[in-house]
Amino acid sequence: MANQPKQDQQATSSSPPIQKNEDQVASPAAVGLKDSLEKQYLKIKEHAETYPYVWASYIVVYGGFALWTAYRWRKLRRTEDRVQTLQERLRKLVEAEESAGKTTKVIEKGSISSDRPSK
């Protein structure tokens, strides 16, 4: 009987490594993707360490392009905000003129008909 608990302990201790192996076998694409990303990162890192001036020029050029794009994007957003504000003011002005225009049209129609001589 003393041997049976040891066998149970061995059986329970051996089951988790089997599950780990099953997880690795179950997702070989994830493992392959991780390995390929790591290899690509190491290649880029080695190239950057070998040719620092090339990478510095990339940073300057693409960083400058990113700054210019951010500047233009911000300017576009400001312009859009300004246009929306002006459109809102114009809409309110037109509504005010229309409401004032309705009352003046009634008065104008009466005055226009009285100003014209009858035939």
N, C-alpha and C. Protein backbone atom coordinates (compact mmCIF):
# COMPACT_ATOMS: atom_id res chain seq x y z
N MET A 1 0.81 -1.18 0.00
CA MET A 1 0.00 0.00 0.00
C MET A 1 0.86 1.25 0.00
N ALA A 2 2.01 1.18 0.55
CA ALA A 2 2.89 2.33 0.59
C ALA A 2 3.33 2.72 -0.82
N ASN A 3 3.38 1.76 -1.71
CA ASN A 3 3.78 2.04 -3.09
C ASN A 3 2.67 2.72 -3.89
N GLN A 4 1.45 2.47 -3.56
CA GLN A 4 0.33 3.02 -4.32
C GLN A 4 0.27 4.56 -4.23
N PRO A 5 0.41 5.19 -3.08
CA PRO A 5 0.39 6.66 -3.04
C PRO A 5 1.53 7.27 -3.85
N LYS A 6 2.69 6.63 -3.86
CA LYS A 6 3.79 7.15 -4.66
C LYS A 6 3.45 7.11 -6.14
N GLN A 7 2.79 6.06 -6.57
CA GLN A 7 2.39 5.95 -7.97
C GLN A 7 1.36 7.03 -8.31
N ASP A 8 0.44 7.29 -7.37
CA ASP A 8 -0.57 8.34 -7.59
C ASP A 8 0.10 9.71 -7.69
N GLN A 9 1.12 9.92 -6.84
CA GLN A 9 1.83 11.19 -6.88
C GLN A 9 2.56 11.35 -8.20
N GLN A 10 3.14 10.27 -8.67
CA GLN A 10 3.85 10.34 -9.94
C GLN A 10 2.88 10.58 -11.08
N ALA A 11 1.72 9.97 -11.01
CA ALA A 11 0.73 10.13 -12.07
C ALA A 11 0.23 11.57 -12.10
N THR A 12 0.00 12.17 -10.94
CA THR A 12 -0.48 13.55 -10.91
C THR A 12 0.61 14.52 -11.30
N SER A 13 1.86 14.20 -10.93
CA SER A 13 2.94 15.12 -11.28
C SER A 13 3.30 15.02 -12.75
N SER A 14 3.02 13.91 -13.38
CA SER A 14 3.36 13.77 -14.79
C SER A 14 2.27 14.32 -15.71
N SER A 15 1.08 14.55 -15.22
CA SER A 15 0.00 15.02 -16.09
C SER A 15 0.16 16.48 -16.52
N PRO A 16 0.63 17.42 -15.69
CA PRO A 16 0.78 18.79 -16.18
C PRO A 16 1.76 18.95 -17.34
N PRO A 17 2.93 18.28 -17.34
CA PRO A 17 3.80 18.44 -18.51
C PRO A 17 3.15 17.93 -19.79
N ILE A 18 2.30 16.93 -19.69
CA ILE A 18 1.61 16.43 -20.87
C ILE A 18 0.66 17.52 -21.39
N GLN A 19 -0.01 18.22 -20.48
CA GLN A 19 -0.92 19.29 -20.89
C GLN A 19 -0.14 20.42 -21.55
N LYS A 20 1.04 20.74 -21.06
CA LYS A 20 1.84 21.79 -21.67
C LYS A 20 2.22 21.40 -23.09
N ASN A 21 2.59 20.13 -23.28
CA ASN A 21 2.93 19.66 -24.61
C ASN A 21 1.72 19.71 -25.52
N GLU A 22 0.56 19.38 -24.99
CA GLU A 22 -0.65 19.43 -25.80
C GLU A 22 -0.97 20.86 -26.21
N ASP A 23 -0.73 21.83 -25.31
CA ASP A 23 -0.97 23.23 -25.64
C ASP A 23 -0.04 23.69 -26.75
N GLN A 24 1.20 23.27 -26.69
CA GLN A 24 2.15 23.67 -27.73
C GLN A 24 1.79 23.01 -29.05
N VAL A 25 1.36 21.77 -29.00
CA VAL A 25 0.98 21.06 -30.22
C VAL A 25 -0.33 21.63 -30.76
N ALA A 26 -1.22 22.08 -29.87
CA ALA A 26 -2.52 22.57 -30.29
C ALA A 26 -2.41 23.89 -31.05
N SER A 27 -1.41 24.71 -30.76
CA SER A 27 -1.30 25.99 -31.43
C SER A 27 0.10 26.18 -32.05
N PRO A 28 0.42 25.40 -33.07
CA PRO A 28 1.74 25.57 -33.70
C PRO A 28 1.83 26.88 -34.47
N ALA A 29 0.69 27.40 -34.91
CA ALA A 29 0.72 28.66 -35.64
C ALA A 29 1.14 29.81 -34.72
N ALA A 30 0.66 29.80 -33.48
CA ALA A 30 1.02 30.84 -32.53
C ALA A 30 2.51 30.76 -32.20
N VAL A 31 3.01 29.54 -32.03
CA VAL A 31 4.43 29.35 -31.72
C VAL A 31 5.26 29.77 -32.94
N GLY A 32 4.83 29.39 -34.13
CA GLY A 32 5.55 29.76 -35.35
C GLY A 32 5.54 31.26 -35.56
N LEU A 33 4.43 31.90 -35.26
CA LEU A 33 4.32 33.35 -35.40
C LEU A 33 5.26 34.05 -34.42
N LYS A 34 5.27 33.55 -33.19
CA LYS A 34 6.14 34.15 -32.17
C LYS A 34 7.61 34.00 -32.59
N ASP A 35 7.97 32.82 -33.06
CA ASP A 35 9.35 32.61 -33.49
C ASP A 35 9.72 33.50 -34.66
N SER A 36 8.82 33.61 -35.63
CA SER A 36 9.14 34.44 -36.80
C SER A 36 9.24 35.91 -36.42
N LEU A 37 8.39 36.37 -35.50
CA LEU A 37 8.48 37.76 -35.05
C LEU A 37 9.77 38.00 -34.29
N GLU A 38 10.16 37.04 -33.47
CA GLU A 38 11.41 37.18 -32.73
C GLU A 38 12.61 37.20 -33.67
N LYS A 39 12.60 36.34 -34.70
CA LYS A 39 13.70 36.33 -35.67
C LYS A 39 13.76 37.65 -36.43
N GLN A 40 12.61 38.15 -36.83
CA GLN A 40 12.56 39.42 -37.56
C GLN A 40 13.07 40.57 -36.69
N TYR A 41 12.66 40.57 -35.42
CA TYR A 41 13.13 41.60 -34.48
C TYR A 41 14.64 41.54 -34.34
N LEU A 42 15.19 40.35 -34.20
CA LEU A 42 16.64 40.21 -34.05
C LEU A 42 17.38 40.67 -35.30
N LYS A 43 16.81 40.39 -36.48
CA LYS A 43 17.43 40.85 -37.72
C LYS A 43 17.44 42.37 -37.79
N ILE A 44 16.33 42.97 -37.44
CA ILE A 44 16.23 44.44 -37.48
C ILE A 44 17.17 45.06 -36.46
N LYS A 45 17.23 44.47 -35.27
CA LYS A 45 18.11 44.99 -34.22
C LYS A 45 19.56 44.92 -34.66
N GLU A 46 19.96 43.79 -35.25
CA GLU A 46 21.34 43.64 -35.71
C GLU A 46 21.65 44.65 -36.82
N HIS A 47 20.71 44.84 -37.73
CA HIS A 47 20.91 45.79 -38.82
C HIS A 47 21.02 47.22 -38.28
N ALA A 48 20.18 47.55 -37.29
CA ALA A 48 20.23 48.89 -36.70
C ALA A 48 21.55 49.13 -35.98
N GLU A 49 22.07 48.11 -35.33
CA GLU A 49 23.35 48.26 -34.65
C GLU A 49 24.50 48.34 -35.65
N THR A 50 24.36 47.67 -36.79
CA THR A 50 25.41 47.68 -37.80
C THR A 50 25.42 48.99 -38.59
N TYR A 51 24.24 49.50 -38.93
CA TYR A 51 24.10 50.71 -39.75
C TYR A 51 23.28 51.78 -39.01
N PRO A 52 23.84 52.40 -37.99
CA PRO A 52 23.05 53.37 -37.21
C PRO A 52 22.67 54.62 -37.99
N TYR A 53 23.52 55.05 -38.95
CA TYR A 53 23.22 56.27 -39.70
C TYR A 53 22.02 56.07 -40.63
N VAL A 54 21.90 54.89 -41.17
CA VAL A 54 20.75 54.59 -42.03
C VAL A 54 19.48 54.68 -41.22
N TRP A 55 19.49 54.11 -40.04
CA TRP A 55 18.29 54.11 -39.19
C TRP A 55 18.01 55.50 -38.66
N ALA A 56 19.06 56.27 -38.41
CA ALA A 56 18.85 57.66 -37.98
C ALA A 56 18.19 58.47 -39.09
N SER A 57 18.61 58.23 -40.34
CA SER A 57 17.98 58.94 -41.45
C SER A 57 16.53 58.51 -41.62
N TYR A 58 16.22 57.24 -41.39
CA TYR A 58 14.83 56.78 -41.43
C TYR A 58 14.00 57.53 -40.39
N ILE A 59 14.57 57.65 -39.19
CA ILE A 59 13.85 58.32 -38.11
C ILE A 59 13.62 59.78 -38.45
N VAL A 60 14.63 60.43 -39.00
CA VAL A 60 14.50 61.85 -39.35
C VAL A 60 13.45 62.03 -40.44
N VAL A 61 13.55 61.24 -41.50
CA VAL A 61 12.64 61.40 -42.64
C VAL A 61 11.20 61.05 -42.25
N TYR A 62 11.01 59.86 -41.70
CA TYR A 62 9.65 59.44 -41.38
C TYR A 62 9.09 60.18 -40.16
N GLY A 63 9.97 60.56 -39.24
CA GLY A 63 9.53 61.37 -38.12
C GLY A 63 9.07 62.74 -38.58
N GLY A 64 9.83 63.33 -39.51
CA GLY A 64 9.43 64.62 -40.08
C GLY A 64 8.12 64.51 -40.82
N PHE A 65 7.97 63.44 -41.57
CA PHE A 65 6.70 63.22 -42.29
C PHE A 65 5.54 63.07 -41.31
N ALA A 66 5.77 62.37 -40.22
CA ALA A 66 4.72 62.19 -39.21
C ALA A 66 4.37 63.52 -38.56
N LEU A 67 5.37 64.34 -38.25
CA LEU A 67 5.11 65.66 -37.68
C LEU A 67 4.33 66.54 -38.65
N TRP A 68 4.71 66.53 -39.92
CA TRP A 68 4.00 67.32 -40.93
C TRP A 68 2.56 66.86 -41.04
N THR A 69 2.35 65.54 -41.06
CA THR A 69 0.99 65.00 -41.15
C THR A 69 0.17 65.41 -39.93
N ALA A 70 0.75 65.35 -38.76
CA ALA A 70 0.04 65.75 -37.55
C ALA A 70 -0.31 67.23 -37.60
N TYR A 71 0.62 68.06 -38.09
CA TYR A 71 0.36 69.49 -38.22
C TYR A 71 -0.80 69.75 -39.17
N ARG A 72 -0.77 69.11 -40.33
CA ARG A 72 -1.84 69.32 -41.32
C ARG A 72 -3.17 68.80 -40.80
N TRP A 73 -3.15 67.67 -40.11
CA TRP A 73 -4.38 67.10 -39.55
C TRP A 73 -4.99 68.07 -38.53
N ARG A 74 -4.14 68.62 -37.68
CA ARG A 74 -4.63 69.56 -36.67
C ARG A 74 -5.18 70.82 -37.32
N LYS A 75 -4.49 71.31 -38.35
CA LYS A 75 -4.96 72.50 -39.06
C LYS A 75 -6.31 72.22 -39.74
N LEU A 76 -6.44 71.03 -40.30
CA LEU A 76 -7.71 70.64 -40.93
C LEU A 76 -8.83 70.60 -39.90
N ARG A 77 -8.57 70.04 -38.74
CA ARG A 77 -9.59 69.97 -37.68
C ARG A 77 -10.00 71.37 -37.23
N ARG A 78 -9.01 72.27 -37.09
CA ARG A 78 -9.34 73.65 -36.71
C ARG A 78 -10.21 74.31 -37.77
N THR A 79 -9.85 74.10 -39.04
CA THR A 79 -10.64 74.68 -40.12
C THR A 79 -12.05 74.13 -40.12
N GLU A 80 -12.19 72.83 -39.91
CA GLU A 80 -13.53 72.23 -39.86
C GLU A 80 -14.33 72.80 -38.70
N ASP A 81 -13.71 72.98 -37.55
CA ASP A 81 -14.41 73.56 -36.41
C ASP A 81 -14.86 74.99 -36.70
N ARG A 82 -13.98 75.74 -37.35
CA ARG A 82 -14.33 77.12 -37.69
C ARG A 82 -15.48 77.15 -38.70
N VAL A 83 -15.45 76.27 -39.70
CA VAL A 83 -16.52 76.20 -40.69
C VAL A 83 -17.84 75.81 -40.02
N GLN A 84 -17.79 74.82 -39.12
CA GLN A 84 -19.02 74.42 -38.42
C GLN A 84 -19.59 75.57 -37.60
N THR A 85 -18.73 76.34 -36.96
CA THR A 85 -19.19 77.49 -36.18
C THR A 85 -19.86 78.52 -37.09
N LEU A 86 -19.20 78.78 -38.22
CA LEU A 86 -19.77 79.76 -39.15
C LEU A 86 -21.09 79.26 -39.75
N GLN A 87 -21.18 77.96 -40.05
CA GLN A 87 -22.43 77.41 -40.57
C GLN A 87 -23.54 77.52 -39.54
N GLU A 88 -23.22 77.28 -38.29
CA GLU A 88 -24.22 77.40 -37.23
C GLU A 88 -24.70 78.84 -37.11
N ARG A 89 -23.77 79.79 -37.15
CA ARG A 89 -24.16 81.20 -37.08
C ARG A 89 -25.02 81.58 -38.28
N LEU A 90 -24.63 81.10 -39.46
CA LEU A 90 -25.40 81.39 -40.67
C LEU A 90 -26.80 80.79 -40.59
N ARG A 91 -26.90 79.56 -40.09
CA ARG A 91 -28.20 78.92 -39.96
C ARG A 91 -29.09 79.71 -39.00
N LYS A 92 -28.54 80.16 -37.90
CA LYS A 92 -29.33 80.96 -36.95
C LYS A 92 -29.74 82.29 -37.57
N LEU A 93 -28.85 82.90 -38.33
CA LEU A 93 -29.16 84.16 -38.99
C LEU A 93 -30.28 83.99 -40.01
N VAL A 94 -30.21 82.92 -40.79
CA VAL A 94 -31.25 82.65 -41.79
C VAL A 94 -32.58 82.38 -41.10
N GLU A 95 -32.57 81.63 -40.02
CA GLU A 95 -33.81 81.39 -39.28
C GLU A 95 -34.39 82.68 -38.75
N ALA A 96 -33.52 83.55 -38.24
CA ALA A 96 -33.99 84.84 -37.72
C ALA A 96 -34.57 85.69 -38.85
N GLU A 97 -33.92 85.70 -40.00
CA GLU A 97 -34.43 86.47 -41.14
C GLU A 97 -35.75 85.90 -41.64
N GLU A 98 -35.85 84.56 -41.67
CA GLU A 98 -37.10 83.95 -42.13
C GLU A 98 -38.25 84.28 -41.19
N SER A 99 -37.99 84.22 -39.89
CA SER A 99 -39.07 84.54 -38.95
C SER A 99 -39.42 86.02 -39.03
N ALA A 100 -38.41 86.88 -39.21
CA ALA A 100 -38.69 88.31 -39.38
C ALA A 100 -39.27 88.57 -40.77
N GLY A 101 -38.86 87.79 -41.74
CA GLY A 101 -39.35 87.95 -43.11
C GLY A 101 -40.82 87.60 -43.25
N LYS A 102 -41.31 86.67 -42.49
CA LYS A 102 -42.72 86.29 -42.56
C LYS A 102 -43.61 87.45 -42.13
N THR A 103 -43.21 88.14 -41.10
CA THR A 103 -44.02 89.27 -40.64
C THR A 103 -43.91 90.43 -41.61
N THR A 104 -42.73 90.67 -42.20
CA THR A 104 -42.58 91.77 -43.15
C THR A 104 -43.26 91.46 -44.46
N LYS A 105 -43.30 90.19 -44.87
CA LYS A 105 -43.97 89.83 -46.12
C LYS A 105 -45.46 90.14 -46.04
N VAL A 106 -46.04 89.88 -44.91
CA VAL A 106 -47.46 90.18 -44.74
C VAL A 106 -47.67 91.68 -44.85
N ILE A 107 -46.83 92.46 -44.26
CA ILE A 107 -46.94 93.91 -44.33
C ILE A 107 -46.64 94.39 -45.74
N GLU A 108 -45.60 93.82 -46.38
CA GLU A 108 -45.23 94.22 -47.73
C GLU A 108 -46.33 93.90 -48.73
N LYS A 109 -46.95 92.75 -48.60
CA LYS A 109 -48.01 92.38 -49.53
C LYS A 109 -49.15 93.40 -49.45
N GLY A 110 -49.49 93.78 -48.25
CA GLY A 110 -50.55 94.78 -48.10
C GLY A 110 -50.14 96.12 -48.67
N SER A 111 -48.91 96.52 -48.49
CA SER A 111 -48.46 97.81 -48.99
C SER A 111 -48.24 97.77 -50.49
N ILE A 112 -47.82 96.66 -51.04
CA ILE A 112 -47.60 96.55 -52.47
C ILE A 112 -48.93 96.66 -53.21
N SER A 113 -49.94 95.99 -52.72
CA SER A 113 -51.24 96.04 -53.39
C SER A 113 -51.85 97.43 -53.31
N SER A 114 -51.61 98.16 -52.25
CA SER A 114 -52.19 99.50 -52.13
C SER A 114 -51.37 100.51 -52.93
N ASP A 115 -50.08 100.25 -53.17
CA ASP A 115 -49.28 101.19 -53.93
C ASP A 115 -49.57 101.12 -55.43
N ARG A 116 -49.99 99.99 -55.92
CA ARG A 116 -50.25 99.83 -57.34
C ARG A 116 -51.62 100.46 -57.70
N PRO A 117 -51.62 101.20 -58.73
CA PRO A 117 -52.92 101.72 -59.17
C PRO A 117 -53.75 100.62 -59.83
N SER A 118 -55.01 100.65 -59.64
CA SER A 118 -55.86 99.64 -60.26
C SER A 118 -56.14 100.01 -61.69
N LYS A 119 -56.26 99.05 -62.56
CA LYS A 119 -56.48 99.28 -63.97
C LYS A 119 -57.91 99.46 -64.30
